[in-house]
Amino acid sequence: MFGRLRKFIGRLLGSLRTDGDTARPKRPHNLFEAAAAYVSACAEDDQDRIDEATTWVSPEALSFGVSELACRAVIALARERDESPGTVARDLLGLPAA
């Protein structure tokens, strides 16, 4: 279930990394990159990456990005399962059906 999300985020982050090319100036991270890095690091229990991602944007921006990522993930899973987002969210959190 989270495997696809992790693979997607991993591919996204991999495509954003440079291969050591220092000729290009480094651009700042946006809140969605920070959220993707933070959530994937949390899922992999990688404290170093978690700490790094939290420095990329303000705590408020990171919170918004994580919330947006969660919404998009629940919607994607709901479509995939042909269930309501509420049902999927409750299932992901281990809550009983409403």
PDB file of N, CA and C in Angstrom:
ATOM      1  N   MET A   1       0.822  -1.171   0.000  1.00  0.00           N
ATOM      2  CA  MET A   1       0.000   0.000   0.000  1.00  0.00           C
ATOM      3  C   MET A   1       0.878   1.250   0.000  1.00  0.00           C
ATOM      4  N   PHE A   2       1.772   1.360   0.975  1.00  0.00           N
ATOM      5  CA  PHE A   2       2.672   2.508   0.998  1.00  0.00           C
ATOM      6  C   PHE A   2       3.858   2.303   0.067  1.00  0.00           C
ATOM      7  N   GLY A   3       4.039   1.085  -0.411  1.00  0.00           N
ATOM      8  CA  GLY A   3       5.161   0.784  -1.281  1.00  0.00           C
ATOM      9  C   GLY A   3       5.155   1.631  -2.538  1.00  0.00           C
ATOM     10  N   ARG A   4       3.981   1.743  -3.160  1.00  0.00           N
ATOM     11  CA  ARG A   4       3.885   2.553  -4.376  1.00  0.00           C
ATOM     12  C   ARG A   4       4.179   4.010  -4.103  1.00  0.00           C
ATOM     13  N   LEU A   5       3.642   4.502  -2.985  1.00  0.00           N
ATOM     14  CA  LEU A   5       3.884   5.901  -2.629  1.00  0.00           C
ATOM     15  C   LEU A   5       5.363   6.141  -2.380  1.00  0.00           C
ATOM     16  N   ARG A   6       6.011   5.210  -1.661  1.00  0.00           N
ATOM     17  CA  ARG A   6       7.445   5.343  -1.394  1.00  0.00           C
ATOM     18  C   ARG A   6       8.253   5.311  -2.682  1.00  0.00           C
ATOM     19  N   LYS A   7       7.891   4.390  -3.614  1.00  0.00           N
ATOM     20  CA  LYS A   7       8.606   4.313  -4.887  1.00  0.00           C
ATOM     21  C   LYS A   7       8.448   5.604  -5.671  1.00  0.00           C
ATOM     22  N   PHE A   8       7.212   6.135  -5.697  1.00  0.00           N
ATOM     23  CA  PHE A   8       6.960   7.376  -6.419  1.00  0.00           C
ATOM     24  C   PHE A   8       7.781   8.518  -5.838  1.00  0.00           C
ATOM     25  N   ILE A   9       7.745   8.640  -4.516  1.00  0.00           N
ATOM     26  CA  ILE A   9       8.491   9.713  -3.867  1.00  0.00           C
ATOM     27  C   ILE A   9       9.987   9.528  -4.084  1.00  0.00           C
ATOM     28  N   GLY A  10      10.453   8.284  -3.996  1.00  0.00           N
ATOM     29  CA  GLY A  10      11.869   8.007  -4.237  1.00  0.00           C
ATOM     30  C   GLY A  10      12.299   8.392  -5.639  1.00  0.00           C
ATOM     31  N   ARG A  11      11.450   8.041  -6.636  1.00  0.00           N
ATOM     32  CA  ARG A  11      11.766   8.408  -8.020  1.00  0.00           C
ATOM     33  C   ARG A  11      11.746   9.916  -8.196  1.00  0.00           C
ATOM     34  N   LEU A  12      10.759  10.567  -7.568  1.00  0.00           N
ATOM     35  CA  LEU A  12      10.672  12.018  -7.657  1.00  0.00           C
ATOM     36  C   LEU A  12      11.911  12.674  -7.081  1.00  0.00           C
ATOM     37  N   LEU A  13      12.303  12.221  -5.900  1.00  0.00           N
ATOM     38  CA  LEU A  13      13.490  12.799  -5.265  1.00  0.00           C
ATOM     39  C   LEU A  13      14.753  12.467  -6.057  1.00  0.00           C
ATOM     40  N   GLY A  14      14.824  11.265  -6.589  1.00  0.00           N
ATOM     41  CA  GLY A  14      15.984  10.873  -7.393  1.00  0.00           C
ATOM     42  C   GLY A  14      16.127  11.726  -8.640  1.00  0.00           C
ATOM     43  N   SER A  15      14.991  12.075  -9.246  1.00  0.00           N
ATOM     44  CA  SER A  15      15.052  12.893 -10.448  1.00  0.00           C
ATOM     45  C   SER A  15      15.451  14.337 -10.133  1.00  0.00           C
ATOM     46  N   LEU A  16      15.246  14.745  -8.888  1.00  0.00           N
ATOM     47  CA  LEU A  16      15.588  16.106  -8.504  1.00  0.00           C
ATOM     48  C   LEU A  16      17.045  16.261  -8.078  1.00  0.00           C
ATOM     49  N   ARG A  17      17.678  15.154  -7.736  1.00  0.00           N
ATOM     50  CA  ARG A  17      19.079  15.209  -7.292  1.00  0.00           C
ATOM     51  C   ARG A  17      19.994  15.437  -8.484  1.00  0.00           C
ATOM     52  N   THR A  18      21.057  16.160  -8.238  1.00  0.00           N
ATOM     53  CA  THR A  18      22.054  16.338  -9.291  1.00  0.00           C
ATOM     54  C   THR A  18      23.128  15.285  -9.128  1.00  0.00           C
ATOM     55  N   ASP A  19      23.837  15.024 -10.202  1.00  0.00           N
ATOM     56  CA  ASP A  19      24.873  13.994 -10.154  1.00  0.00           C
ATOM     57  C   ASP A  19      26.248  14.604  -9.906  1.00  0.00           C
ATOM     58  N   GLY A  20      26.299  15.530  -8.985  1.00  0.00           N
ATOM     59  CA  GLY A  20      27.572  16.132  -8.634  1.00  0.00           C
ATOM     60  C   GLY A  20      27.930  17.320  -9.508  1.00  0.00           C
ATOM     61  N   ASP A  21      27.017  17.738 -10.363  1.00  0.00           N
ATOM     62  CA  ASP A  21      27.265  18.864 -11.251  1.00  0.00           C
ATOM     63  C   ASP A  21      27.225  20.154 -10.427  1.00  0.00           C
ATOM     64  N   THR A  22      28.380  20.764 -10.227  1.00  0.00           N
ATOM     65  CA  THR A  22      28.448  21.989  -9.429  1.00  0.00           C
ATOM     66  C   THR A  22      28.396  23.238 -10.296  1.00  0.00           C
ATOM     67  N   ALA A  23      28.283  23.081 -11.618  1.00  0.00           N
ATOM     68  CA  ALA A  23      28.230  24.236 -12.497  1.00  0.00           C
ATOM     69  C   ALA A  23      26.901  24.975 -12.338  1.00  0.00           C
ATOM     70  N   ARG A  24      25.830  24.243 -12.049  1.00  0.00           N
ATOM     71  CA  ARG A  24      24.534  24.880 -11.866  1.00  0.00           C
ATOM     72  C   ARG A  24      24.396  25.380 -10.443  1.00  0.00           C
ATOM     73  N   PRO A  25      23.855  26.566 -10.281  1.00  0.00           N
ATOM     74  CA  PRO A  25      23.614  27.034  -8.913  1.00  0.00           C
ATOM     75  C   PRO A  25      22.502  26.192  -8.284  1.00  0.00           C
ATOM     76  N   LYS A  26      22.619  25.962  -7.012  1.00  0.00           N
ATOM     77  CA  LYS A  26      21.640  25.148  -6.306  1.00  0.00           C
ATOM     78  C   LYS A  26      20.407  25.993  -6.025  1.00  0.00           C
ATOM     79  N   ARG A  27      19.254  25.498  -6.417  1.00  0.00           N
ATOM     80  CA  ARG A  27      18.026  26.242  -6.169  1.00  0.00           C
ATOM     81  C   ARG A  27      17.439  25.822  -4.825  1.00  0.00           C
ATOM     82  N   PRO A  28      16.669  26.673  -4.203  1.00  0.00           N
ATOM     83  CA  PRO A  28      16.068  26.316  -2.912  1.00  0.00           C
ATOM     84  C   PRO A  28      14.990  25.252  -3.097  1.00  0.00           C
ATOM     85  N   HIS A  29      14.780  24.479  -2.067  1.00  0.00           N
ATOM     86  CA  HIS A  29      13.750  23.449  -2.092  1.00  0.00           C
ATOM     87  C   HIS A  29      12.387  24.101  -1.889  1.00  0.00           C
ATOM     88  N   ASN A  30      11.366  23.528  -2.522  1.00  0.00           N
ATOM     89  CA  ASN A  30      10.034  24.038  -2.254  1.00  0.00           C
ATOM     90  C   ASN A  30       9.345  23.170  -1.209  1.00  0.00           C
ATOM     91  N   LEU A  31       8.186  23.586  -0.754  1.00  0.00           N
ATOM     92  CA  LEU A  31       7.537  22.891   0.351  1.00  0.00           C
ATOM     93  C   LEU A  31       7.117  21.484  -0.010  1.00  0.00           C
ATOM     94  N   PHE A  32       6.805  21.223  -1.291  1.00  0.00           N
ATOM     95  CA  PHE A  32       6.408  19.880  -1.676  1.00  0.00           C
ATOM     96  C   PHE A  32       7.605  18.929  -1.731  1.00  0.00           C
ATOM     97  N   GLU A  33       8.751  19.437  -2.143  1.00  0.00           N
ATOM     98  CA  GLU A  33       9.968  18.618  -2.089  1.00  0.00           C
ATOM     99  C   GLU A  33      10.319  18.287  -0.638  1.00  0.00           C
ATOM    100  N   ALA A  34      10.191  19.280   0.228  1.00  0.00           N
ATOM    101  CA  ALA A  34      10.487  19.061   1.643  1.00  0.00           C
ATOM    102  C   ALA A  34       9.525  18.038   2.235  1.00  0.00           C
ATOM    103  N   ALA A  35       8.240  18.160   1.903  1.00  0.00           N
ATOM    104  CA  ALA A  35       7.247  17.225   2.424  1.00  0.00           C
ATOM    105  C   ALA A  35       7.510  15.803   1.927  1.00  0.00           C
ATOM    106  N   ALA A  36       7.819  15.667   0.644  1.00  0.00           N
ATOM    107  CA  ALA A  36       8.097  14.338   0.084  1.00  0.00           C
ATOM    108  C   ALA A  36       9.324  13.724   0.747  1.00  0.00           C
ATOM    109  N   ALA A  37      10.362  14.519   0.924  1.00  0.00           N
ATOM    110  CA  ALA A  37      11.580  14.013   1.561  1.00  0.00           C
ATOM    111  C   ALA A  37      11.316  13.652   3.019  1.00  0.00           C
ATOM    112  N   TYR A  38      10.570  14.496   3.709  1.00  0.00           N
ATOM    113  CA  TYR A  38      10.278  14.274   5.125  1.00  0.00           C
ATOM    114  C   TYR A  38       9.450  13.001   5.316  1.00  0.00           C
ATOM    115  N   VAL A  39       8.381  12.852   4.542  1.00  0.00           N
ATOM    116  CA  VAL A  39       7.502  11.690   4.702  1.00  0.00           C
ATOM    117  C   VAL A  39       8.232  10.409   4.325  1.00  0.00           C
ATOM    118  N   SER A  40       8.982  10.430   3.232  1.00  0.00           N
ATOM    119  CA  SER A  40       9.696   9.212   2.841  1.00  0.00           C
ATOM    120  C   SER A  40      10.772   8.864   3.873  1.00  0.00           C
ATOM    121  N   ALA A  41      11.430   9.867   4.439  1.00  0.00           N
ATOM    122  CA  ALA A  41      12.435   9.613   5.482  1.00  0.00           C
ATOM    123  C   ALA A  41      11.781   9.051   6.741  1.00  0.00           C
ATOM    124  N   CYS A  42      10.607   9.573   7.090  1.00  0.00           N
ATOM    125  CA  CYS A  42       9.880   9.040   8.252  1.00  0.00           C
ATOM    126  C   CYS A  42       9.484   7.587   8.007  1.00  0.00           C
ATOM    127  N   ALA A  43       9.014   7.289   6.793  1.00  0.00           N
ATOM    128  CA  ALA A  43       8.602   5.921   6.473  1.00  0.00           C
ATOM    129  C   ALA A  43       9.783   4.954   6.544  1.00  0.00           C
ATOM    130  N   GLU A  44      10.980   5.454   6.239  1.00  0.00           N
ATOM    131  CA  GLU A  44      12.184   4.619   6.272  1.00  0.00           C
ATOM    132  C   GLU A  44      12.950   4.770   7.579  1.00  0.00           C
ATOM    133  N   ASP A  45      12.412   5.555   8.510  1.00  0.00           N
ATOM    134  CA  ASP A  45      13.022   5.797   9.815  1.00  0.00           C
ATOM    135  C   ASP A  45      14.468   6.274   9.690  1.00  0.00           C
ATOM    136  N   ASP A  46      14.681   7.244   8.788  1.00  0.00           N
ATOM    137  CA  ASP A  46      16.002   7.804   8.532  1.00  0.00           C
ATOM    138  C   ASP A  46      16.096   9.188   9.179  1.00  0.00           C
ATOM    139  N   GLN A  47      16.576   9.248  10.393  1.00  0.00           N
ATOM    140  CA  GLN A  47      16.590  10.488  11.164  1.00  0.00           C
ATOM    141  C   GLN A  47      17.442  11.581  10.513  1.00  0.00           C
ATOM    142  N   ASP A  48      18.534  11.206   9.874  1.00  0.00           N
ATOM    143  CA  ASP A  48      19.372  12.218   9.222  1.00  0.00           C
ATOM    144  C   ASP A  48      18.606  12.931   8.113  1.00  0.00           C
ATOM    145  N   ARG A  49      17.891  12.170   7.291  1.00  0.00           N
ATOM    146  CA  ARG A  49      17.098  12.775   6.204  1.00  0.00           C
ATOM    147  C   ARG A  49      15.919  13.566   6.756  1.00  0.00           C
ATOM    148  N   ILE A  50      15.335  13.091   7.848  1.00  0.00           N
ATOM    149  CA  ILE A  50      14.243  13.833   8.488  1.00  0.00           C
ATOM    150  C   ILE A  50      14.758  15.197   8.936  1.00  0.00           C
ATOM    151  N   ASP A  51      15.900  15.188   9.619  1.00  0.00           N
ATOM    152  CA  ASP A  51      16.484  16.439  10.105  1.00  0.00           C
ATOM    153  C   ASP A  51      16.821  17.384   8.946  1.00  0.00           C
ATOM    154  N   GLU A  52      17.347  16.827   7.865  1.00  0.00           N
ATOM    155  CA  GLU A  52      17.687  17.666   6.717  1.00  0.00           C
ATOM    156  C   GLU A  52      16.442  18.289   6.097  1.00  0.00           C
ATOM    157  N   ALA A  53      15.411  17.486   5.893  1.00  0.00           N
ATOM    158  CA  ALA A  53      14.182  17.988   5.263  1.00  0.00           C
ATOM    159  C   ALA A  53      13.525  19.085   6.091  1.00  0.00           C
ATOM    160  N   THR A  54      13.641  19.002   7.405  1.00  0.00           N
ATOM    161  CA  THR A  54      13.013  20.024   8.253  1.00  0.00           C
ATOM    162  C   THR A  54      13.716  21.376   8.158  1.00  0.00           C
ATOM    163  N   THR A  55      14.921  21.398   7.604  1.00  0.00           N
ATOM    164  CA  THR A  55      15.628  22.672   7.457  1.00  0.00           C
ATOM    165  C   THR A  55      15.334  23.351   6.116  1.00  0.00           C
ATOM    166  N   TRP A  56      14.671  22.655   5.212  1.00  0.00           N
ATOM    167  CA  TRP A  56      14.452  23.197   3.873  1.00  0.00           C
ATOM    168  C   TRP A  56      13.402  24.292   3.818  1.00  0.00           C
ATOM    169  N   VAL A  57      12.382  24.193   4.650  1.00  0.00           N
ATOM    170  CA  VAL A  57      11.293  25.177   4.647  1.00  0.00           C
ATOM    171  C   VAL A  57      10.866  25.431   6.090  1.00  0.00           C
ATOM    172  N   SER A  58      10.003  26.401   6.283  1.00  0.00           N
ATOM    173  CA  SER A  58       9.518  26.697   7.636  1.00  0.00           C
ATOM    174  C   SER A  58       8.650  25.539   8.137  1.00  0.00           C
ATOM    175  N   PRO A  59       8.511  25.414   9.448  1.00  0.00           N
ATOM    176  CA  PRO A  59       7.655  24.346   9.993  1.00  0.00           C
ATOM    177  C   PRO A  59       6.212  24.428   9.487  1.00  0.00           C
ATOM    178  N   GLU A  60       5.705  25.646   9.314  1.00  0.00           N
ATOM    179  CA  GLU A  60       4.342  25.811   8.810  1.00  0.00           C
ATOM    180  C   GLU A  60       4.222  25.312   7.385  1.00  0.00           C
ATOM    181  N   ALA A  61       5.207  25.635   6.551  1.00  0.00           N
ATOM    182  CA  ALA A  61       5.187  25.185   5.158  1.00  0.00           C
ATOM    183  C   ALA A  61       5.321  23.668   5.087  1.00  0.00           C
ATOM    184  N   LEU A  62       6.187  23.105   5.919  1.00  0.00           N
ATOM    185  CA  LEU A  62       6.349  21.654   5.935  1.00  0.00           C
ATOM    186  C   LEU A  62       5.049  20.978   6.352  1.00  0.00           C
ATOM    187  N   SER A  63       4.389  21.519   7.358  1.00  0.00           N
ATOM    188  CA  SER A  63       3.113  20.973   7.816  1.00  0.00           C
ATOM    189  C   SER A  63       2.072  20.998   6.702  1.00  0.00           C
ATOM    190  N   PHE A  64       1.996  22.116   5.992  1.00  0.00           N
ATOM    191  CA  PHE A  64       1.072  22.220   4.865  1.00  0.00           C
ATOM    192  C   PHE A  64       1.414  21.198   3.789  1.00  0.00           C
ATOM    193  N   GLY A  65       2.691  21.067   3.458  1.00  0.00           N
ATOM    194  CA  GLY A  65       3.115  20.122   2.422  1.00  0.00           C
ATOM    195  C   GLY A  65       2.812  18.678   2.796  1.00  0.00           C
ATOM    196  N   VAL A  66       3.044  18.324   4.052  1.00  0.00           N
ATOM    197  CA  VAL A  66       2.746  16.963   4.511  1.00  0.00           C
ATOM    198  C   VAL A  66       1.244  16.715   4.448  1.00  0.00           C
ATOM    199  N   SER A  67       0.453  17.697   4.852  1.00  0.00           N
ATOM    200  CA  SER A  67      -1.000  17.572   4.796  1.00  0.00           C
ATOM    201  C   SER A  67      -1.467  17.392   3.348  1.00  0.00           C
ATOM    202  N   GLU A  68      -0.919  18.174   2.446  1.00  0.00           N
ATOM    203  CA  GLU A  68      -1.284  18.070   1.028  1.00  0.00           C
ATOM    204  C   GLU A  68      -0.883  16.708   0.465  1.00  0.00           C
ATOM    205  N   LEU A  69       0.290  16.230   0.835  1.00  0.00           N
ATOM    206  CA  LEU A  69       0.743  14.907   0.394  1.00  0.00           C
ATOM    207  C   LEU A  69      -0.197  13.827   0.914  1.00  0.00           C
ATOM    208  N   ALA A  70      -0.605  13.932   2.175  1.00  0.00           N
ATOM    209  CA  ALA A  70      -1.528  12.951   2.751  1.00  0.00           C
ATOM    210  C   ALA A  70      -2.865  12.958   2.009  1.00  0.00           C
ATOM    211  N   CYS A  71      -3.381  14.134   1.725  1.00  0.00           N
ATOM    212  CA  CYS A  71      -4.648  14.229   0.987  1.00  0.00           C
ATOM    213  C   CYS A  71      -4.536  13.582  -0.386  1.00  0.00           C
ATOM    214  N   ARG A  72      -3.472  13.895  -1.098  1.00  0.00           N
ATOM    215  CA  ARG A  72      -3.291  13.334  -2.441  1.00  0.00           C
ATOM    216  C   ARG A  72      -3.112  11.822  -2.399  1.00  0.00           C
ATOM    217  N   ALA A  73      -2.391  11.334  -1.382  1.00  0.00           N
ATOM    218  CA  ALA A  73      -2.177   9.888  -1.251  1.00  0.00           C
ATOM    219  C   ALA A  73      -3.491   9.171  -0.949  1.00  0.00           C
ATOM    220  N   VAL A  74      -4.299   9.727  -0.062  1.00  0.00           N
ATOM    221  CA  VAL A  74      -5.584   9.108   0.277  1.00  0.00           C
ATOM    222  C   VAL A  74      -6.504   9.110  -0.940  1.00  0.00           C
ATOM    223  N   ILE A  75      -6.529  10.199  -1.664  1.00  0.00           N
ATOM    224  CA  ILE A  75      -7.370  10.268  -2.866  1.00  0.00           C
ATOM    225  C   ILE A  75      -6.913   9.238  -3.896  1.00  0.00           C
ATOM    226  N   ALA A  76      -5.600   9.136  -4.105  1.00  0.00           N
ATOM    227  CA  ALA A  76      -5.077   8.166  -5.074  1.00  0.00           C
ATOM    228  C   ALA A  76      -5.416   6.733  -4.659  1.00  0.00           C
ATOM    229  N   LEU A  77      -5.248   6.417  -3.385  1.00  0.00           N
ATOM    230  CA  LEU A  77      -5.574   5.072  -2.902  1.00  0.00           C
ATOM    231  C   LEU A  77      -7.071   4.811  -2.988  1.00  0.00           C
ATOM    232  N   ALA A  78      -7.889   5.812  -2.688  1.00  0.00           N
ATOM    233  CA  ALA A  78      -9.340   5.652  -2.765  1.00  0.00           C
ATOM    234  C   ALA A  78      -9.768   5.344  -4.200  1.00  0.00           C
ATOM    235  N   ARG A  79      -9.193   6.048  -5.156  1.00  0.00           N
ATOM    236  CA  ARG A  79      -9.513   5.777  -6.566  1.00  0.00           C
ATOM    237  C   ARG A  79      -9.066   4.384  -6.970  1.00  0.00           C
ATOM    238  N   GLU A  80      -7.867   4.014  -6.521  1.00  0.00           N
ATOM    239  CA  GLU A  80      -7.326   2.698  -6.852  1.00  0.00           C
ATOM    240  C   GLU A  80      -8.193   1.582  -6.274  1.00  0.00           C
ATOM    241  N   ARG A  81      -8.667   1.773  -5.053  1.00  0.00           N
ATOM    242  CA  ARG A  81      -9.480   0.758  -4.373  1.00  0.00           C
ATOM    243  C   ARG A  81     -10.967   0.872  -4.690  1.00  0.00           C
ATOM    244  N   ASP A  82     -11.369   1.946  -5.346  1.00  0.00           N
ATOM    245  CA  ASP A  82     -12.776   2.230  -5.623  1.00  0.00           C
ATOM    246  C   ASP A  82     -13.565   2.324  -4.304  1.00  0.00           C
ATOM    247  N   GLU A  83     -12.990   3.047  -3.351  1.00  0.00           N
ATOM    248  CA  GLU A  83     -13.608   3.282  -2.050  1.00  0.00           C
ATOM    249  C   GLU A  83     -13.619   4.785  -1.795  1.00  0.00           C
ATOM    250  N   SER A  84     -14.333   5.195  -0.758  1.00  0.00           N
ATOM    251  CA  SER A  84     -14.359   6.619  -0.415  1.00  0.00           C
ATOM    252  C   SER A  84     -13.055   7.002   0.283  1.00  0.00           C
ATOM    253  N   PRO A  85     -12.640   8.263   0.150  1.00  0.00           N
ATOM    254  CA  PRO A  85     -11.443   8.711   0.868  1.00  0.00           C
ATOM    255  C   PRO A  85     -11.563   8.510   2.378  1.00  0.00           C
ATOM    256  N   GLY A  86     -12.762   8.706   2.928  1.00  0.00           N
ATOM    257  CA  GLY A  86     -12.953   8.512   4.362  1.00  0.00           C
ATOM    258  C   GLY A  86     -12.694   7.078   4.788  1.00  0.00           C
ATOM    259  N   THR A  87     -13.177   6.131   3.990  1.00  0.00           N
ATOM    260  CA  THR A  87     -12.962   4.715   4.285  1.00  0.00           C
ATOM    261  C   THR A  87     -11.482   4.377   4.228  1.00  0.00           C
ATOM    262  N   VAL A  88     -10.803   4.879   3.213  1.00  0.00           N
ATOM    263  CA  VAL A  88      -9.373   4.613   3.057  1.00  0.00           C
ATOM    264  C   VAL A  88      -8.585   5.226   4.206  1.00  0.00           C
ATOM    265  N   ALA A  89      -8.892   6.462   4.563  1.00  0.00           N
ATOM    266  CA  ALA A  89      -8.176   7.147   5.654  1.00  0.00           C
ATOM    267  C   ALA A  89      -8.349   6.376   6.967  1.00  0.00           C
ATOM    268  N   ARG A  90      -9.559   5.965   7.258  1.00  0.00           N
ATOM    269  CA  ARG A  90      -9.809   5.212   8.497  1.00  0.00           C
ATOM    270  C   ARG A  90      -9.068   3.882   8.467  1.00  0.00           C
ATOM    271  N   ASP A  91      -9.040   3.221   7.312  1.00  0.00           N
ATOM    272  CA  ASP A  91      -8.329   1.941   7.188  1.00  0.00           C
ATOM    273  C   ASP A  91      -6.835   2.130   7.388  1.00  0.00           C
ATOM    274  N   LEU A  92      -6.270   3.177   6.804  1.00  0.00           N
ATOM    275  CA  LEU A  92      -4.834   3.436   6.952  1.00  0.00           C
ATOM    276  C   LEU A  92      -4.455   3.684   8.411  1.00  0.00           C
ATOM    277  N   LEU A  93      -5.347   4.299   9.139  1.00  0.00           N
ATOM    278  CA  LEU A  93      -5.087   4.604  10.542  1.00  0.00           C
ATOM    279  C   LEU A  93      -5.518   3.474  11.477  1.00  0.00           C
ATOM    280  N   GLY A  94      -6.071   2.409  10.923  1.00  0.00           N
ATOM    281  CA  GLY A  94      -6.480   1.273  11.741  1.00  0.00           C
ATOM    282  C   GLY A  94      -7.729   1.545  12.559  1.00  0.00           C
ATOM    283  N   LEU A  95      -8.563   2.466  12.091  1.00  0.00           N
ATOM    284  CA  LEU A  95      -9.792   2.788  12.809  1.00  0.00           C
ATOM    285  C   LEU A  95     -10.939   1.927  12.302  1.00  0.00           C
ATOM    286  N   PRO A  96     -11.929   1.668  13.144  1.00  0.00           N
ATOM    287  CA  PRO A  96     -13.072   0.880  12.674  1.00  0.00           C
ATOM    288  C   PRO A  96     -13.882   1.668  11.644  1.00  0.00           C
ATOM    289  N   ALA A  97     -14.612   0.943  10.814  1.00  0.00           N
ATOM    290  CA  ALA A  97     -15.441   1.596   9.793  1.00  0.00           C
ATOM    291  C   ALA A  97     -16.476   2.486  10.465  1.00  0.00           C
ATOM    292  N   ALA A  98     -16.767   3.598   9.818  1.00  0.00           N
ATOM    293  CA  ALA A  98     -17.723   4.565  10.394  1.00  0.00           C
ATOM    294  C   ALA A  98     -19.140   4.097  10.204  1.00  0.00           C
TER     295      ALA A  98
END
